[in-house]
Structure formats: C-alpha cells, structure tokens
Amino acid sequence: MSLPTCHIKIINGNTCQAMTANINASAQSIKFPGTEIVTVQPQSGPESIESFYDEYLAIPGILEQIILDHDSDAFILACWGDPGIEAAREITTKPVIGIAEASLYVANMVAAKWSVVTTLHRVRDMVEKTIVKTGLTERCASVRTTKLSVLDTEQDRSTTLDVLTEASQLAMQVDGAEAICLGCAGMSGLEEQLENRLGVPVIDAVAAAVKMAESLVSLRKTTSKQLTYRLPEQKEIRGYSSHYQAENFSR
C-alpha cells in the first residue's frame, strides 16, 4: 500500500458534529487515492454561522486548528464565507483554501454567468462581500437566498433539495445563471441530484476546495510571505492561550 502523498486538514467553521461528518463524507468521496483527509471542527464557537457575529466568534477556534497543526500540507476552511481566511494565511506557509473562493473559481471556468444559492435572507450582504473579495462580481448573475437555516441543510435534506431547486431555477430563468454555486458547506452531497434536475453545472464548494488543495500541494506552492501574509508581529496578546503567540505559528 502506497503512503499518502498529500495531507489535508478540513476545518468546519462551526461546532455542528453532523455537518462535520457530512463535510468529511463529501471530501473523502472526491479525493485522490494518495490524499489523506482529516476533518475537524473548532473546540469552541457557534453551532452554525449565519451572521457577522457568529463568524467573528468562530474565527479564534478556526485559527487554533491551524496553529496547533504542524503536519498537514494544506488547510481548507469549510464555511462558505471563508471566515478568517486572511488571518489563516498569515499564520502558516501552507496553502489555505476557502470553500467559497474555490467554488467561485470553479464556476468561473465552466460558465459565463453563475449564481450563488445559499441560506437565510440575512446572509446576502455576507455572500456579496465574499464574491467581491474574489474579484468575480461581474461574472455573478445573482445571489439567491432562501428560508433555509444552516442546520436545516443537515436535518431536512429532502426539503433542502426542493428549496435549492426552486431558487436555482429562478436564478437560471430570471437572472441568467448558467451554473450554480451551493453557498453552504451543509449543502455538500446534493450537487448531483440538483444537476439532474437543473441541467447545468452545480458546484459543491467542499469538493472544489479539496481538488484545489490537492493541486496546490502537487504544484508545491506555499503562501507568499513577501508582504501581506507575513507572519504577524510578535506582541503580547492578553486573554488568549499562549499558543496564539506568533512564535507558535506553522512555518
């Protein structure tokens, strides 16, 4: 048996164990045989991320999973808003891939216009800001929000599939979308059924991130420390465990 050639840690941004398991299943089903994947969740933080407040509470626990890891070849942030991705890239030389960023890049290669179909209506601004950060706003046909909470996507898969189908059809018929990005890690595993219903590419963000992580490791690319993503300056940080100090960050 050949040894793994790529070690990837996937970090579910929230503390929902069922979602962590679903993310892991999606990733394991798409990985190359030589890839070893470990999927984890923060030790502390919100059960789901559906607001800026949730996102900011989640980030320290996400960063901790990177700081304490010196063995992985790449990290994936498995929350569609890519919470803390800039900070994550500062504390490691390893590639850090956000599932939102990865899904948009993939959609951009298979469609002239695409839409993001996501969860609660309140997250529209968060999703739009994520798209702006990728520089792909002009290629985005629309952001279609729904009545689904993040936890709904795990607990009621049948309803989730129907709601996503309806929102995706509106994105195609009204907005001109030619592909659909699923805007929540909890939607992983539904892309094939949606493609069969819609007849257009549907991007599972977790799967997209796994393939990009494998590619970056294979290409032997690391995170640039030239300027923006340099290691943070060493300074006293009060109120946090000592492992948040800069000398503990992964090289």
Foldseek 3Di string as FASTA:
>chain_A
DDEAPAEEEEEELADAPLLQVLLVVLLVVQADPSYHYDYYYFPDAHRADDDVVRLVRSQVRVLVVQLVDQPHQEYEYAWLLCRPVLVSLLQAFHHYHYLNLLQVVVLVVFWQAAEEEEEAPVCQVSSQVSCVVSVCVVRYLYYFYFPHDLVCLRPPVVVVLVGSLVSRVCCCPPRVHQEYEYRGSSNRPCQVVSCVSPVHHYTNSSSSRSVVSVVCVVVVHTRDCPDSSHHDDFDDDPPDDPSVGSVSGHD
